[in-house]
Protein backbone atom coordinates (compact mmCIF):
# COMPACT_ATOMS: atom_id res chain seq x y z
CA MET A 1 20.07 11.21 4.22
CA THR A 2 23.62 10.88 3.00
CA VAL A 3 26.23 8.69 4.63
CA GLU A 4 28.29 11.79 5.31
CA ARG A 5 25.37 13.40 7.17
CA SER A 6 24.77 10.20 9.18
CA LEU A 7 28.43 10.11 10.22
CA HIS A 8 28.34 13.79 11.15
CA LEU A 9 25.27 13.27 13.36
CA LEU A 10 26.88 10.26 15.02
CA LYS A 11 30.13 12.12 15.69
CA THR A 12 28.45 15.27 17.03
CA ALA A 13 25.79 13.57 19.14
CA PRO A 14 25.87 14.39 22.85
CA GLY A 15 28.20 11.95 24.60
CA SER A 16 30.01 11.13 21.34
CA THR A 17 33.45 9.56 21.70
CA PRO A 18 36.50 9.39 19.45
CA ALA A 19 35.40 5.85 18.68
CA ALA A 20 32.41 7.20 16.75
CA ASP A 21 34.19 6.56 13.43
CA ALA A 22 34.70 2.93 14.36
CA LEU A 23 31.07 2.59 15.47
CA ALA A 24 29.63 4.36 12.44
CA ALA A 25 30.64 1.74 9.90
CA PRO A 26 28.80 -1.20 11.48
CA VAL A 27 25.72 0.97 12.00
CA VAL A 28 25.59 1.73 8.30
CA GLY A 29 26.78 -1.77 7.44
CA LEU A 30 29.91 -0.65 5.58
CA ALA A 31 33.65 -0.70 6.16
CA LEU A 32 35.26 2.66 6.94
CA SER A 33 36.95 2.73 3.54
CA GLU A 34 33.53 2.23 1.88
CA VAL A 35 32.00 4.96 4.04
CA ALA A 36 34.74 7.36 2.95
CA SER A 37 34.21 6.53 -0.72
CA LEU A 38 30.45 7.06 -0.39
CA ALA A 39 30.68 10.37 1.44
CA GLY A 40 28.27 12.84 -0.13
CA LYS A 41 26.28 10.15 -1.95
CA SER A 42 22.73 9.14 -1.06
CA LEU A 43 21.98 5.57 -0.14
CA PRO A 44 19.59 3.79 -2.50
CA LEU A 45 16.04 3.77 -1.21
CA LYS A 46 13.58 0.90 -1.41
CA PRO A 47 10.85 1.72 -3.94
CA ARG A 48 7.75 2.96 -2.16
CA GLN A 49 4.41 1.27 -2.54
CA PRO A 50 1.91 3.49 -4.33
CA ALA A 51 -0.44 5.36 -2.02
CA VAL A 52 -4.10 4.65 -2.77
CA ARG A 53 -6.72 7.10 -1.56
CA TYR A 54 -10.50 6.66 -1.62
CA LEU A 55 -12.24 9.65 -3.23
CA GLY A 56 -15.87 8.54 -3.09
CA PHE A 57 -18.46 6.99 -5.39
CA GLU A 58 -21.13 7.91 -7.89
CA ILE A 59 -24.28 5.97 -8.68
CA THR A 60 -24.61 5.30 -12.40
CA ALA A 61 -26.97 3.25 -14.55
CA GLU A 62 -24.59 0.27 -14.27
CA GLY A 63 -23.84 0.41 -10.55
CA ARG A 64 -21.65 2.30 -8.15
CA GLU A 65 -18.42 3.70 -9.54
CA TYR A 66 -15.78 4.08 -6.83
CA SER A 67 -12.94 6.54 -7.45
CA LEU A 68 -9.45 5.84 -6.11
CA GLN A 69 -6.43 8.11 -6.51
CA VAL A 70 -3.01 6.50 -6.85
CA THR A 71 0.23 8.38 -6.21
CA ASN A 72 3.74 6.97 -6.30
CA GLY A 73 5.99 9.84 -7.23
CA LEU A 74 4.32 10.33 -10.60
CA GLU A 75 1.36 12.53 -11.34
CA PRO A 76 -1.66 11.36 -9.32
CA ARG A 77 -3.81 8.94 -11.30
CA THR A 78 -7.53 8.49 -10.70
CA PHE A 79 -9.05 5.08 -11.33
CA VAL A 80 -12.72 4.16 -11.38
CA LEU A 81 -13.85 0.73 -10.20
CA LEU A 82 -17.37 -0.53 -10.82
CA VAL A 83 -19.53 -2.69 -8.57
CA THR A 84 -22.72 -3.46 -10.47
CA HIS A 85 -26.23 -3.02 -9.10
CA GLU A 86 -26.69 -6.76 -9.72
CA ALA A 87 -23.78 -7.58 -7.39
CA PHE A 88 -25.49 -5.63 -4.58
CA ALA A 89 -29.00 -6.94 -5.37
CA SER A 90 -27.83 -10.57 -5.43
CA ARG A 91 -25.92 -9.97 -2.18
CA GLN A 92 -22.56 -10.80 -3.75
CA ALA A 93 -21.37 -7.46 -2.35
CA ARG A 94 -22.41 -5.33 0.60
CA TYR A 95 -22.43 -1.56 0.37
CA GLN A 96 -20.15 -1.23 3.40
CA ASP A 97 -17.61 -3.65 1.86
CA ALA A 98 -17.43 -2.04 -1.58
CA PRO A 99 -14.68 0.54 -0.84
CA ASP A 100 -12.46 -2.21 0.64
CA LEU A 101 -13.22 -4.51 -2.30
CA CYS A 102 -12.15 -1.76 -4.69
CA TYR A 103 -9.03 -0.93 -2.67
CA ARG A 104 -7.96 -4.59 -2.74
CA LYS A 105 -8.60 -4.92 -6.47
CA MET A 106 -6.60 -1.74 -7.09
CA GLY A 107 -3.73 -3.19 -5.04
CA ARG A 108 -3.76 -6.38 -7.13
CA GLU A 109 -3.82 -4.41 -10.38
CA LEU A 110 -0.92 -2.22 -9.25
CA GLY A 111 0.97 -5.32 -8.14
CA LEU A 112 0.76 -6.61 -11.70
CA ASP A 113 1.57 -3.23 -13.27
CA PRO A 114 2.78 -0.39 -10.99
CA ASP A 115 2.68 2.02 -13.95
CA LEU A 116 -0.94 1.17 -14.81
CA LEU A 117 -2.75 4.07 -16.45
CA PRO A 118 -6.41 4.93 -15.92
CA GLY A 119 -8.84 3.84 -18.59
CA ALA A 120 -12.30 2.32 -18.65
CA PRO A 121 -13.74 1.49 -15.22
CA LEU A 122 -12.36 -1.72 -13.72
CA GLN A 123 -15.30 -4.01 -12.91
CA LEU A 124 -15.14 -6.34 -9.94
CA THR A 125 -15.78 -9.89 -11.08
CA SER A 126 -18.10 -12.43 -9.44
CA GLU A 127 -15.02 -14.47 -8.54
CA GLU A 128 -13.41 -11.50 -6.74
CA LEU A 129 -16.63 -10.83 -4.86
CA LEU A 130 -16.93 -14.49 -3.82
CA ASP A 131 -13.28 -14.64 -2.70
CA TYR A 132 -13.75 -11.53 -0.57
CA ARG A 133 -16.97 -12.82 0.96
CA SER A 134 -15.42 -16.21 1.73
CA ALA A 135 -12.46 -14.56 3.48
CA ARG A 136 -14.76 -12.19 5.38
CA ASP A 137 -17.10 -14.99 6.53
CA TYR A 138 -14.32 -17.37 7.57
CA VAL A 139 -14.47 -18.36 11.23
CA ALA A 140 -11.47 -20.10 12.73
CA PRO A 141 -12.14 -23.62 14.07
CA GLY A 142 -13.18 -23.53 17.72
CA ARG A 143 -14.34 -19.89 17.57
CA LYS A 144 -17.90 -18.67 17.68
CA ARG A 145 -19.31 -16.10 15.32
CA ARG A 146 -19.93 -12.77 17.02
CA GLY A 147 -23.57 -11.90 17.48
CA SER A 148 -24.68 -15.49 16.98
CA GLY A 149 -26.52 -15.47 20.33
CA ALA A 150 -25.05 -18.86 21.25
């Protein structure tokens, strides 16, 4: 929305007063002279975080390949993240946690490089799986684990 449009809405709002011009500047955070000079120009927007959408998984010879689609104003990009069969068999990862594990890894990768392009599947490391499990299993001091029967 432009500054000019914001001022117009403020001035024409029901119950508007002649003091609307004086009130408009503090609302936008600018002096009236700055508002006048910006009329018709858009305010800069904060860059949006990329949207990450889970598309599903496929079982392959190596493990489960989870597909995530990333959009941030560019063409949608589809990434594949791999959780190996070994990670599930050794209980480093649980099937119900895998989509969240992949989502978090994708977020870290995009944090390092927002313009990251798809390539070979990104494999979750043993360290990433351990970090996730440790955070998931953490119980605050003085609290009981749910379902412990105690």
